[in-house]
mmCIF file of all heavy atoms, coordinates in Angstrom:
data_MODEL
# 
_entry.id   MODEL 
# 
loop_
_atom_site.group_PDB 
_atom_site.id 
_atom_site.type_symbol 
_atom_site.label_atom_id 
_atom_site.label_alt_id 
_atom_site.label_comp_id 
_atom_site.label_asym_id 
_atom_site.label_entity_id 
_atom_site.label_seq_id 
_atom_site.pdbx_PDB_ins_code 
_atom_site.Cartn_x 
_atom_site.Cartn_y 
_atom_site.Cartn_z 
_atom_site.occupancy 
_atom_site.B_iso_or_equiv 
_atom_site.pdbx_formal_charge 
_atom_site.auth_seq_id 
_atom_site.auth_comp_id 
_atom_site.auth_asym_id 
_atom_site.auth_atom_id 
_atom_site.pdbx_PDB_model_num 
ATOM 1   N N   . LEU A 1 1  ? 120.387 73.483 34.217 1.00 0.00 ? 1  LEU A N   1 
ATOM 2   C CA  . LEU A 1 1  ? 121.186 74.543 34.795 1.00 0.00 ? 1  LEU A CA  1 
ATOM 3   C C   . LEU A 1 1  ? 120.250 75.596 35.384 1.00 0.00 ? 1  LEU A C   1 
ATOM 4   O O   . LEU A 1 1  ? 119.277 76.004 34.721 1.00 0.00 ? 1  LEU A O   1 
ATOM 5   C CB  . LEU A 1 1  ? 122.082 75.210 33.736 1.00 0.00 ? 1  LEU A CB  1 
ATOM 6   C CG  . LEU A 1 1  ? 122.937 74.286 32.857 1.00 0.00 ? 1  LEU A CG  1 
ATOM 7   C CD1 . LEU A 1 1  ? 123.673 75.111 31.813 1.00 0.00 ? 1  LEU A CD1 1 
ATOM 8   C CD2 . LEU A 1 1  ? 123.918 73.494 33.718 1.00 0.00 ? 1  LEU A CD2 1 
ATOM 9   N N   . LEU A 1 2  ? 120.529 76.057 36.598 1.00 0.00 ? 2  LEU A N   1 
ATOM 10  C CA  . LEU A 1 2  ? 119.717 77.089 37.229 1.00 0.00 ? 2  LEU A CA  1 
ATOM 11  C C   . LEU A 1 2  ? 120.554 78.353 37.428 1.00 0.00 ? 2  LEU A C   1 
ATOM 12  O O   . LEU A 1 2  ? 121.599 78.299 38.076 1.00 0.00 ? 2  LEU A O   1 
ATOM 13  C CB  . LEU A 1 2  ? 119.173 76.611 38.585 1.00 0.00 ? 2  LEU A CB  1 
ATOM 14  C CG  . LEU A 1 2  ? 118.306 75.346 38.586 1.00 0.00 ? 2  LEU A CG  1 
ATOM 15  C CD1 . LEU A 1 2  ? 117.775 75.074 39.988 1.00 0.00 ? 2  LEU A CD1 1 
ATOM 16  C CD2 . LEU A 1 2  ? 117.132 75.499 37.605 1.00 0.00 ? 2  LEU A CD2 1 
ATOM 17  N N   . PHE A 1 3  ? 120.072 79.451 36.862 1.00 0.00 ? 3  PHE A N   1 
ATOM 18  C CA  . PHE A 1 3  ? 120.761 80.726 36.945 1.00 0.00 ? 3  PHE A CA  1 
ATOM 19  C C   . PHE A 1 3  ? 119.999 81.713 37.832 1.00 0.00 ? 3  PHE A C   1 
ATOM 20  O O   . PHE A 1 3  ? 118.765 81.724 37.833 1.00 0.00 ? 3  PHE A O   1 
ATOM 21  C CB  . PHE A 1 3  ? 120.931 81.343 35.554 1.00 0.00 ? 3  PHE A CB  1 
ATOM 22  C CG  . PHE A 1 3  ? 121.826 80.568 34.640 1.00 0.00 ? 3  PHE A CG  1 
ATOM 23  C CD1 . PHE A 1 3  ? 121.301 79.803 33.608 1.00 0.00 ? 3  PHE A CD1 1 
ATOM 24  C CD2 . PHE A 1 3  ? 123.203 80.583 34.806 1.00 0.00 ? 3  PHE A CD2 1 
ATOM 25  C CE1 . PHE A 1 3  ? 122.112 79.084 32.758 1.00 0.00 ? 3  PHE A CE1 1 
ATOM 26  C CE2 . PHE A 1 3  ? 124.041 79.865 33.953 1.00 0.00 ? 3  PHE A CE2 1 
ATOM 27  C CZ  . PHE A 1 3  ? 123.487 79.122 32.924 1.00 0.00 ? 3  PHE A CZ  1 
ATOM 28  N N   . PHE A 1 4  ? 120.738 82.566 38.517 1.00 0.00 ? 4  PHE A N   1 
ATOM 29  C CA  . PHE A 1 4  ? 120.122 83.525 39.440 1.00 0.00 ? 4  PHE A CA  1 
ATOM 30  C C   . PHE A 1 4  ? 120.511 84.968 39.147 1.00 0.00 ? 4  PHE A C   1 
ATOM 31  O O   . PHE A 1 4  ? 120.061 85.876 39.841 1.00 0.00 ? 4  PHE A O   1 
ATOM 32  C CB  . PHE A 1 4  ? 120.473 83.161 40.879 1.00 0.00 ? 4  PHE A CB  1 
ATOM 33  C CG  . PHE A 1 4  ? 119.971 81.800 41.275 1.00 0.00 ? 4  PHE A CG  1 
ATOM 34  C CD1 . PHE A 1 4  ? 120.692 80.646 40.961 1.00 0.00 ? 4  PHE A CD1 1 
ATOM 35  C CD2 . PHE A 1 4  ? 118.764 81.666 41.941 1.00 0.00 ? 4  PHE A CD2 1 
ATOM 36  C CE1 . PHE A 1 4  ? 120.222 79.390 41.295 1.00 0.00 ? 4  PHE A CE1 1 
ATOM 37  C CE2 . PHE A 1 4  ? 118.289 80.410 42.282 1.00 0.00 ? 4  PHE A CE2 1 
ATOM 38  C CZ  . PHE A 1 4  ? 119.009 79.270 41.954 1.00 0.00 ? 4  PHE A CZ  1 
ATOM 39  N N   . SER A 1 5  ? 121.339 85.185 38.149 1.00 0.00 ? 5  SER A N   1 
ATOM 40  C CA  . SER A 1 5  ? 121.724 86.552 37.773 1.00 0.00 ? 5  SER A CA  1 
ATOM 41  C C   . SER A 1 5  ? 122.297 86.540 36.360 1.00 0.00 ? 5  SER A C   1 
ATOM 42  O O   . SER A 1 5  ? 122.769 85.507 35.868 1.00 0.00 ? 5  SER A O   1 
ATOM 43  C CB  . SER A 1 5  ? 122.795 87.090 38.728 1.00 0.00 ? 5  SER A CB  1 
ATOM 44  O OG  . SER A 1 5  ? 124.028 86.449 38.483 1.00 0.00 ? 5  SER A OG  1 
ATOM 45  N N   . PRO A 1 6  ? 122.251 87.695 35.688 1.00 0.00 ? 6  PRO A N   1 
ATOM 46  C CA  . PRO A 1 6  ? 122.868 87.797 34.357 1.00 0.00 ? 6  PRO A CA  1 
ATOM 47  C C   . PRO A 1 6  ? 124.353 87.463 34.411 1.00 0.00 ? 6  PRO A C   1 
ATOM 48  O O   . PRO A 1 6  ? 124.900 86.895 33.461 1.00 0.00 ? 6  PRO A O   1 
ATOM 49  C CB  . PRO A 1 6  ? 122.633 89.268 33.993 1.00 0.00 ? 6  PRO A CB  1 
ATOM 50  C CG  . PRO A 1 6  ? 121.389 89.639 34.725 1.00 0.00 ? 6  PRO A CG  1 
ATOM 51  C CD  . PRO A 1 6  ? 121.520 88.931 36.051 1.00 0.00 ? 6  PRO A CD  1 
ATOM 52  N N   . THR A 1 7  ? 124.998 87.802 35.527 1.00 0.00 ? 7  THR A N   1 
ATOM 53  C CA  . THR A 1 7  ? 126.421 87.521 35.689 1.00 0.00 ? 7  THR A CA  1 
ATOM 54  C C   . THR A 1 7  ? 126.701 86.026 35.605 1.00 0.00 ? 7  THR A C   1 
ATOM 55  O O   . THR A 1 7  ? 127.692 85.581 35.011 1.00 0.00 ? 7  THR A O   1 
ATOM 56  C CB  . THR A 1 7  ? 126.940 88.062 37.030 1.00 0.00 ? 7  THR A CB  1 
ATOM 57  O OG1 . THR A 1 7  ? 126.632 89.463 37.122 1.00 0.00 ? 7  THR A OG1 1 
ATOM 58  C CG2 . THR A 1 7  ? 128.444 87.880 37.162 1.00 0.00 ? 7  THR A CG2 1 
ATOM 59  N N   . GLY A 1 8  ? 125.817 85.217 36.198 1.00 0.00 ? 8  GLY A N   1 
ATOM 60  C CA  . GLY A 1 8  ? 125.981 83.774 36.139 1.00 0.00 ? 8  GLY A CA  1 
ATOM 61  C C   . GLY A 1 8  ? 125.868 83.249 34.735 1.00 0.00 ? 8  GLY A C   1 
ATOM 62  O O   . GLY A 1 8  ? 126.630 82.350 34.314 1.00 0.00 ? 8  GLY A O   1 
ATOM 63  N N   . VAL A 1 9  ? 124.929 83.782 33.974 1.00 0.00 ? 9  VAL A N   1 
ATOM 64  C CA  . VAL A 1 9  ? 124.749 83.364 32.581 1.00 0.00 ? 9  VAL A CA  1 
ATOM 65  C C   . VAL A 1 9  ? 125.996 83.685 31.767 1.00 0.00 ? 9  VAL A C   1 
ATOM 66  O O   . VAL A 1 9  ? 126.499 82.861 30.995 1.00 0.00 ? 9  VAL A O   1 
ATOM 67  C CB  . VAL A 1 9  ? 123.519 84.059 31.957 1.00 0.00 ? 9  VAL A CB  1 
ATOM 68  C CG1 . VAL A 1 9  ? 123.358 83.657 30.501 1.00 0.00 ? 9  VAL A CG1 1 
ATOM 69  C CG2 . VAL A 1 9  ? 122.243 83.730 32.741 1.00 0.00 ? 9  VAL A CG2 1 
ATOM 70  N N   . LYS A 1 10 ? 126.510 84.887 31.964 1.00 0.00 ? 10 LYS A N   1 
ATOM 71  C CA  . LYS A 1 10 ? 127.696 85.305 31.212 1.00 0.00 ? 10 LYS A CA  1 
ATOM 72  C C   . LYS A 1 10 ? 128.925 84.509 31.639 1.00 0.00 ? 10 LYS A C   1 
ATOM 73  O O   . LYS A 1 10 ? 129.822 84.274 30.828 1.00 0.00 ? 10 LYS A O   1 
ATOM 74  C CB  . LYS A 1 10 ? 127.932 86.812 31.427 1.00 0.00 ? 10 LYS A CB  1 
ATOM 75  C CG  . LYS A 1 10 ? 126.841 87.674 30.783 1.00 0.00 ? 10 LYS A CG  1 
ATOM 76  C CD  . LYS A 1 10 ? 127.004 89.143 31.108 1.00 0.00 ? 10 LYS A CD  1 
ATOM 77  C CE  . LYS A 1 10 ? 125.871 89.961 30.480 1.00 0.00 ? 10 LYS A CE  1 
ATOM 78  N NZ  . LYS A 1 10 ? 125.966 91.396 30.860 1.00 0.00 ? 10 LYS A NZ  1 
ATOM 79  N N   . ALA A 1 11 ? 128.948 84.086 32.900 1.00 0.00 ? 11 ALA A N   1 
ATOM 80  C CA  . ALA A 1 11 ? 130.077 83.270 33.379 1.00 0.00 ? 11 ALA A CA  1 
ATOM 81  C C   . ALA A 1 11 ? 130.100 81.911 32.682 1.00 0.00 ? 11 ALA A C   1 
ATOM 82  O O   . ALA A 1 11 ? 131.175 81.374 32.374 1.00 0.00 ? 11 ALA A O   1 
ATOM 83  C CB  . ALA A 1 11 ? 129.993 83.087 34.887 1.00 0.00 ? 11 ALA A CB  1 
ATOM 84  N N   . LEU A 1 12 ? 128.903 81.358 32.431 1.00 0.00 ? 12 LEU A N   1 
ATOM 85  C CA  . LEU A 1 12 ? 128.854 80.088 31.702 1.00 0.00 ? 12 LEU A CA  1 
ATOM 86  C C   . LEU A 1 12 ? 129.395 80.274 30.292 1.00 0.00 ? 12 LEU A C   1 
ATOM 87  O O   . LEU A 1 12 ? 130.184 79.453 29.798 1.00 0.00 ? 12 LEU A O   1 
ATOM 88  C CB  . LEU A 1 12 ? 127.425 79.573 31.635 1.00 0.00 ? 12 LEU A CB  1 
ATOM 89  C CG  . LEU A 1 12 ? 127.240 78.272 30.830 1.00 0.00 ? 12 LEU A CG  1 
ATOM 90  C CD1 . LEU A 1 12 ? 127.855 77.097 31.572 1.00 0.00 ? 12 LEU A CD1 1 
ATOM 91  C CD2 . LEU A 1 12 ? 125.779 77.991 30.524 1.00 0.00 ? 12 LEU A CD2 1 
ATOM 92  N N   . LYS A 1 13 ? 128.985 81.359 29.666 1.00 0.00 ? 13 LYS A N   1 
ATOM 93  C CA  . LYS A 1 13 ? 129.444 81.652 28.300 1.00 0.00 ? 13 LYS A CA  1 
ATOM 94  C C   . LYS A 1 13 ? 130.959 81.838 28.263 1.00 0.00 ? 13 LYS A C   1 
ATOM 95  O O   . LYS A 1 13 ? 131.631 81.400 27.337 1.00 0.00 ? 13 LYS A O   1 
ATOM 96  C CB  . LYS A 1 13 ? 128.742 82.911 27.784 1.00 0.00 ? 13 LYS A CB  1 
ATOM 97  C CG  . LYS A 1 13 ? 129.034 83.249 26.325 1.00 0.00 ? 13 LYS A CG  1 
ATOM 98  C CD  . LYS A 1 13 ? 128.358 82.284 25.391 1.00 0.00 ? 13 LYS A CD  1 
ATOM 99  C CE  . LYS A 1 13 ? 128.494 82.722 23.947 1.00 0.00 ? 13 LYS A CE  1 
ATOM 100 N NZ  . LYS A 1 13 ? 127.814 81.786 23.015 1.00 0.00 ? 13 LYS A NZ  1 
ATOM 101 N N   . LYS A 1 14 ? 131.507 82.477 29.312 1.00 0.00 ? 14 LYS A N   1 
ATOM 102 C CA  . LYS A 1 14 ? 132.941 82.719 29.377 1.00 0.00 ? 14 LYS A CA  1 
ATOM 103 C C   . LYS A 1 14 ? 133.701 81.416 29.541 1.00 0.00 ? 14 LYS A C   1 
ATOM 104 O O   . LYS A 1 14 ? 134.743 81.209 28.888 1.00 0.00 ? 14 LYS A O   1 
ATOM 105 C CB  . LYS A 1 14 ? 133.252 83.648 30.558 1.00 0.00 ? 14 LYS A CB  1 
ATOM 106 C CG  . LYS A 1 14 ? 134.721 83.920 30.788 1.00 0.00 ? 14 LYS A CG  1 
ATOM 107 C CD  . LYS A 1 14 ? 134.904 84.879 31.956 1.00 0.00 ? 14 LYS A CD  1 
ATOM 108 C CE  . LYS A 1 14 ? 136.380 85.216 32.204 1.00 0.00 ? 14 LYS A CE  1 
ATOM 109 N NZ  . LYS A 1 14 ? 137.147 84.063 32.712 1.00 0.00 ? 14 LYS A NZ  1 
ATOM 110 N N   . ASN A 1 15 ? 133.193 80.520 30.379 1.00 0.00 ? 15 ASN A N   1 
ATOM 111 C CA  . ASN A 1 15 ? 133.874 79.259 30.626 1.00 0.00 ? 15 ASN A CA  1 
ATOM 112 C C   . ASN A 1 15 ? 133.651 78.236 29.516 1.00 0.00 ? 15 ASN A C   1 
ATOM 113 O O   . ASN A 1 15 ? 134.494 77.371 29.295 1.00 0.00 ? 15 ASN A O   1 
ATOM 114 C CB  . ASN A 1 15 ? 133.407 78.680 31.955 1.00 0.00 ? 15 ASN A CB  1 
ATOM 115 C CG  . ASN A 1 15 ? 134.083 79.317 33.152 1.00 0.00 ? 15 ASN A CG  1 
ATOM 116 O OD1 . ASN A 1 15 ? 135.173 78.920 33.548 1.00 0.00 ? 15 ASN A OD1 1 
ATOM 117 N ND2 . ASN A 1 15 ? 133.456 80.343 33.727 1.00 0.00 ? 15 ASN A ND2 1 
ATOM 118 N N   . PHE A 1 16 ? 132.480 78.340 28.860 1.00 0.00 ? 16 PHE A N   1 
ATOM 119 C CA  . PHE A 1 16 ? 132.138 77.382 27.791 1.00 0.00 ? 16 PHE A CA  1 
ATOM 120 C C   . PHE A 1 16 ? 131.674 78.169 26.559 1.00 0.00 ? 16 PHE A C   1 
ATOM 121 O O   . PHE A 1 16 ? 130.470 78.205 26.254 1.00 0.00 ? 16 PHE A O   1 
ATOM 122 C CB  . PHE A 1 16 ? 131.044 76.413 28.246 1.00 0.00 ? 16 PHE A CB  1 
ATOM 123 C CG  . PHE A 1 16 ? 131.414 75.602 29.466 1.00 0.00 ? 16 PHE A CG  1 
ATOM 124 C CD1 . PHE A 1 16 ? 131.105 76.066 30.738 1.00 0.00 ? 16 PHE A CD1 1 
ATOM 125 C CD2 . PHE A 1 16 ? 132.065 74.381 29.344 1.00 0.00 ? 16 PHE A CD2 1 
ATOM 126 C CE1 . PHE A 1 16 ? 131.434 75.338 31.872 1.00 0.00 ? 16 PHE A CE1 1 
ATOM 127 C CE2 . PHE A 1 16 ? 132.407 73.640 30.459 1.00 0.00 ? 16 PHE A CE2 1 
ATOM 128 C CZ  . PHE A 1 16 ? 132.088 74.112 31.730 1.00 0.00 ? 16 PHE A CZ  1 
ATOM 129 N N   . PRO A 1 17 ? 132.596 78.804 25.857 1.00 0.00 ? 17 PRO A N   1 
ATOM 130 C CA  . PRO A 1 17 ? 132.211 79.633 24.700 1.00 0.00 ? 17 PRO A CA  1 
ATOM 131 C C   . PRO A 1 17 ? 131.490 78.874 23.600 1.00 0.00 ? 17 PRO A C   1 
ATOM 132 O O   . PRO A 1 17 ? 130.742 79.469 22.828 1.00 0.00 ? 17 PRO A O   1 
ATOM 133 C CB  . PRO A 1 17 ? 133.554 80.203 24.217 1.00 0.00 ? 17 PRO A CB  1 
ATOM 134 C CG  . PRO A 1 17 ? 134.605 79.292 24.795 1.00 0.00 ? 17 PRO A CG  1 
ATOM 135 C CD  . PRO A 1 17 ? 134.053 78.826 26.093 1.00 0.00 ? 17 PRO A CD  1 
ATOM 136 N N   . ASP A 1 18 ? 131.686 77.558 23.525 1.00 0.00 ? 18 ASP A N   1 
ATOM 137 C CA  . ASP A 1 18 ? 131.044 76.751 22.487 1.00 0.00 ? 18 ASP A CA  1 
ATOM 138 C C   . ASP A 1 18 ? 129.875 75.955 23.042 1.00 0.00 ? 18 ASP A C   1 
ATOM 139 O O   . ASP A 1 18 ? 129.462 74.938 22.448 1.00 0.00 ? 18 ASP A O   1 
ATOM 140 C CB  . ASP A 1 18 ? 132.072 75.809 21.849 1.00 0.00 ? 18 ASP A CB  1 
ATOM 141 C CG  . ASP A 1 18 ? 133.231 76.547 21.190 1.00 0.00 ? 18 ASP A CG  1 
ATOM 142 O OD1 . ASP A 1 18 ? 132.965 77.602 20.576 1.00 0.00 ? 18 ASP A OD1 1 
ATOM 143 O OD2 . ASP A 1 18 ? 134.385 76.092 21.311 1.00 0.00 ? 18 ASP A OD2 1 
ATOM 144 N N   . PHE A 1 19 ? 129.336 76.392 24.169 1.00 0.00 ? 19 PHE A N   1 
ATOM 145 C CA  . PHE A 1 19 ? 128.241 75.670 24.819 1.00 0.00 ? 19 PHE A CA  1 
ATOM 146 C C   . PHE A 1 19 ? 127.033 75.515 23.895 1.00 0.00 ? 19 PHE A C   1 
ATOM 147 O O   . PHE A 1 19 ? 126.556 76.470 23.301 1.00 0.00 ? 19 PHE A O   1 
ATOM 148 C CB  . PHE A 1 19 ? 127.805 76.402 26.090 1.00 0.00 ? 19 PHE A CB  1 
ATOM 149 C CG  . PHE A 1 19 ? 126.584 75.817 26.759 1.00 0.00 ? 19 PHE A CG  1 
ATOM 150 C CD1 . PHE A 1 19 ? 126.671 74.636 27.474 1.00 0.00 ? 19 PHE A CD1 1 
ATOM 151 C CD2 . PHE A 1 19 ? 125.352 76.447 26.644 1.00 0.00 ? 19 PHE A CD2 1 
ATOM 152 C CE1 . PHE A 1 19 ? 125.555 74.074 28.082 1.00 0.00 ? 19 PHE A CE1 1 
ATOM 153 C CE2 . PHE A 1 19 ? 124.220 75.911 27.262 1.00 0.00 ? 19 PHE A CE2 1 
ATOM 154 C CZ  . PHE A 1 19 ? 124.326 74.723 27.968 1.00 0.00 ? 19 PHE A CZ  1 
ATOM 155 N N   . GLU A 1 20 ? 126.572 74.277 23.774 1.00 0.00 ? 20 GLU A N   1 
ATOM 156 C CA  . GLU A 1 20 ? 125.370 73.989 23.002 1.00 0.00 ? 20 GLU A CA  1 
ATOM 157 C C   . GLU A 1 20 ? 124.347 73.381 23.946 1.00 0.00 ? 20 GLU A C   1 
ATOM 158 O O   . GLU A 1 20 ? 124.620 72.360 24.599 1.00 0.00 ? 20 GLU A O   1 
ATOM 159 C CB  . GLU A 1 20 ? 125.685 73.035 21.850 1.00 0.00 ? 20 GLU A CB  1 
ATOM 160 C CG  . GLU A 1 20 ? 126.593 73.644 20.778 1.00 0.00 ? 20 GLU A CG  1 
ATOM 161 C CD  . GLU A 1 20 ? 126.811 72.719 19.599 1.00 0.00 ? 20 GLU A CD  1 
ATOM 162 O OE1 . GLU A 1 20 ? 126.158 71.644 19.564 1.00 0.00 ? 20 GLU A OE1 1 
ATOM 163 O OE2 . GLU A 1 20 ? 127.626 73.039 18.719 1.00 0.00 ? 20 GLU A OE2 1 
ATOM 164 N N   . GLN A 1 21 ? 123.182 73.959 24.011 1.00 0.00 ? 21 GLN A N   1 
ATOM 165 C CA  . GLN A 1 21 ? 122.179 73.558 25.004 1.00 0.00 ? 21 GLN A CA  1 
ATOM 166 C C   . GLN A 1 21 ? 121.612 72.166 24.765 1.00 0.00 ? 21 GLN A C   1 
ATOM 167 O O   . GLN A 1 21 ? 121.525 71.346 25.670 1.00 0.00 ? 21 GLN A O   1 
ATOM 168 C CB  . GLN A 1 21 ? 121.042 74.578 25.050 1.00 0.00 ? 21 GLN A CB  1 
ATOM 169 C CG  . GLN A 1 21 ? 120.003 74.262 26.121 1.00 0.00 ? 21 GLN A CG  1 
ATOM 170 C CD  . GLN A 1 21 ? 118.950 75.352 26.221 1.00 0.00 ? 21 GLN A CD  1 
ATOM 171 O OE1 . GLN A 1 21 ? 118.978 76.323 25.485 1.00 0.00 ? 21 GLN A OE1 1 
ATOM 172 N NE2 . GLN A 1 21 ? 118.017 75.168 27.145 1.00 0.00 ? 21 GLN A NE2 1 
ATOM 173 N N   . GLY A 1 22 ? 121.204 71.892 23.559 1.00 0.00 ? 22 GLY A N   1 
ATOM 174 C CA  . GLY A 1 22 ? 120.616 70.588 23.279 1.00 0.00 ? 22 GLY A CA  1 
ATOM 175 C C   . GLY A 1 22 ? 119.431 70.287 24.171 1.00 0.00 ? 22 GLY A C   1 
ATOM 176 O O   . GLY A 1 22 ? 118.499 71.076 24.268 1.00 0.00 ? 22 GLY A O   1 
ATOM 177 N N   . ASP A 1 23 ? 119.477 69.160 24.878 1.00 0.00 ? 23 ASP A N   1 
ATOM 178 C CA  . ASP A 1 23 ? 118.365 68.761 25.779 1.00 0.00 ? 23 ASP A CA  1 
ATOM 179 C C   . ASP A 1 23 ? 118.509 69.321 27.180 1.00 0.00 ? 23 ASP A C   1 
ATOM 180 O O   . ASP A 1 23 ? 117.685 69.023 28.057 1.00 0.00 ? 23 ASP A O   1 
ATOM 181 C CB  . ASP A 1 23 ? 118.297 67.227 25.861 1.00 0.00 ? 23 ASP A CB  1 
ATOM 182 C CG  . ASP A 1 23 ? 117.764 66.627 24.559 1.00 0.00 ? 23 ASP A CG  1 
ATOM 183 O OD1 . ASP A 1 23 ? 117.136 67.359 23.794 1.00 0.00 ? 23 ASP A OD1 1 
ATOM 184 O OD2 . ASP A 1 23 ? 117.987 65.410 24.351 1.00 0.00 ? 23 ASP A OD2 1 
ATOM 185 N N   . ILE A 1 24 ? 119.549 70.110 27.441 1.00 0.00 ? 24 ILE A N   1 
ATOM 186 C CA  . ILE A 1 24 ? 119.760 70.655 28.778 1.00 0.00 ? 24 ILE A CA  1 
ATOM 187 C C   . ILE A 1 24 ? 118.700 71.723 29.081 1.00 0.00 ? 24 ILE A C   1 
ATOM 188 O O   . ILE A 1 24 ? 118.517 72.664 28.310 1.00 0.00 ? 24 ILE A O   1 
ATOM 189 C CB  . ILE A 1 24 ? 121.156 71.275 28.915 1.00 0.00 ? 24 ILE A CB  1 
ATOM 190 C CG1 . ILE A 1 24 ? 122.240 70.216 28.689 1.00 0.00 ? 24 ILE A CG1 1 
ATOM 191 C CG2 . ILE A 1 24 ? 121.339 71.928 30.293 1.00 0.00 ? 24 ILE A CG2 1 
ATOM 192 C CD1 . ILE A 1 24 ? 123.650 70.773 28.666 1.00 0.00 ? 24 ILE A CD1 1 
ATOM 193 N N   . ARG A 1 25 ? 117.972 71.554 30.185 1.00 0.00 ? 25 ARG A N   1 
ATOM 194 C CA  . ARG A 1 25 ? 116.973 72.544 30.560 1.00 0.00 ? 25 ARG A CA  1 
ATOM 195 C C   . ARG A 1 25 ? 117.653 73.722 31.274 1.00 0.00 ? 25 ARG A C   1 
ATOM 196 O O   . ARG A 1 25 ? 118.658 73.522 31.953 1.00 0.00 ? 25 ARG A O   1 
ATOM 197 C CB  . ARG A 1 25 ? 115.941 71.949 31.520 1.00 0.00 ? 25 ARG A CB  1 
ATOM 198 C CG  . ARG A 1 25 ? 114.826 71.190 30.846 1.00 0.00 ? 25 ARG A CG  1 
ATOM 199 C CD  . ARG A 1 25 ? 115.287 69.925 30.218 1.00 0.00 ? 25 ARG A CD  1 
ATOM 200 N NE  . ARG A 1 25 ? 114.159 69.010 30.045 1.00 0.00 ? 25 ARG A NE  1 
ATOM 201 C CZ  . ARG A 1 25 ? 114.258 67.696 29.974 1.00 0.00 ? 25 ARG A CZ  1 
ATOM 202 N NH1 . ARG A 1 25 ? 115.434 67.127 30.079 1.00 0.00 ? 25 ARG A NH1 1 
ATOM 203 N NH2 . ARG A 1 25 ? 113.188 66.944 29.782 1.00 0.00 ? 25 ARG A NH2 1 
ATOM 204 N N   . ILE A 1 26 ? 117.063 74.896 31.136 1.00 0.00 ? 26 ILE A N   1 
ATOM 205 C CA  . ILE A 1 26 ? 117.569 76.083 31.805 1.00 0.00 ? 26 ILE A CA  1 
ATOM 206 C C   . ILE A 1 26 ? 116.442 76.783 32.538 1.00 0.00 ? 26 ILE A C   1 
ATOM 207 O O   . ILE A 1 26 ? 115.376 77.040 31.983 1.00 0.00 ? 26 ILE A O   1 
ATOM 208 C CB  . ILE A 1 26 ? 118.222 77.055 30.802 1.00 0.00 ? 26 ILE A CB  1 
ATOM 209 C CG1 . ILE A 1 26 ? 119.526 76.461 30.239 1.00 0.00 ? 26 ILE A CG1 1 
ATOM 210 C CG2 . ILE A 1 26 ? 118.508 78.402 31.475 1.00 0.00 ? 26 ILE A CG2 1 
ATOM 211 C CD1 . ILE A 1 26 ? 120.247 77.372 29.250 1.00 0.00 ? 26 ILE A CD1 1 
ATOM 212 N N   . GLY A 1 27 ? 116.684 77.054 33.840 1.00 0.00 ? 27 GLY A N   1 
ATOM 213 C CA  . GLY A 1 27 ? 115.758 77.820 34.658 1.00 0.00 ? 27 GLY A CA  1 
ATOM 214 C C   . GLY A 1 27 ? 116.434 79.107 35.085 1.00 0.00 ? 27 GLY A C   1 
ATOM 215 O O   . GLY A 1 27 ? 117.646 79.127 35.315 1.00 0.00 ? 27 GLY A O   1 
ATOM 216 N N   . ALA A 1 28 ? 115.679 80.196 35.173 1.00 0.00 ? 28 ALA A N   1 
ATOM 217 C CA  . ALA A 1 28 ? 116.259 81.496 35.526 1.00 0.00 ? 28 ALA A CA  1 
ATOM 218 C C   . ALA A 1 28 ? 115.431 82.187 36.589 1.00 0.00 ? 28 ALA A C   1 
ATOM 219 O O   . ALA A 1 28 ? 114.194 82.134 36.579 1.00 0.00 ? 28 ALA A O   1 
ATOM 220 C CB  . ALA A 1 28 ? 116.364 82.382 34.280 1.00 0.00 ? 28 ALA A CB  1 
# 
């Protein structure tokens, strides 16, 4: 997942409140 703003990060949390990262890479 590639994020470009804090708003985008919070939007993921809002849509997937139980999101577990596991092996998913995150770039910011």
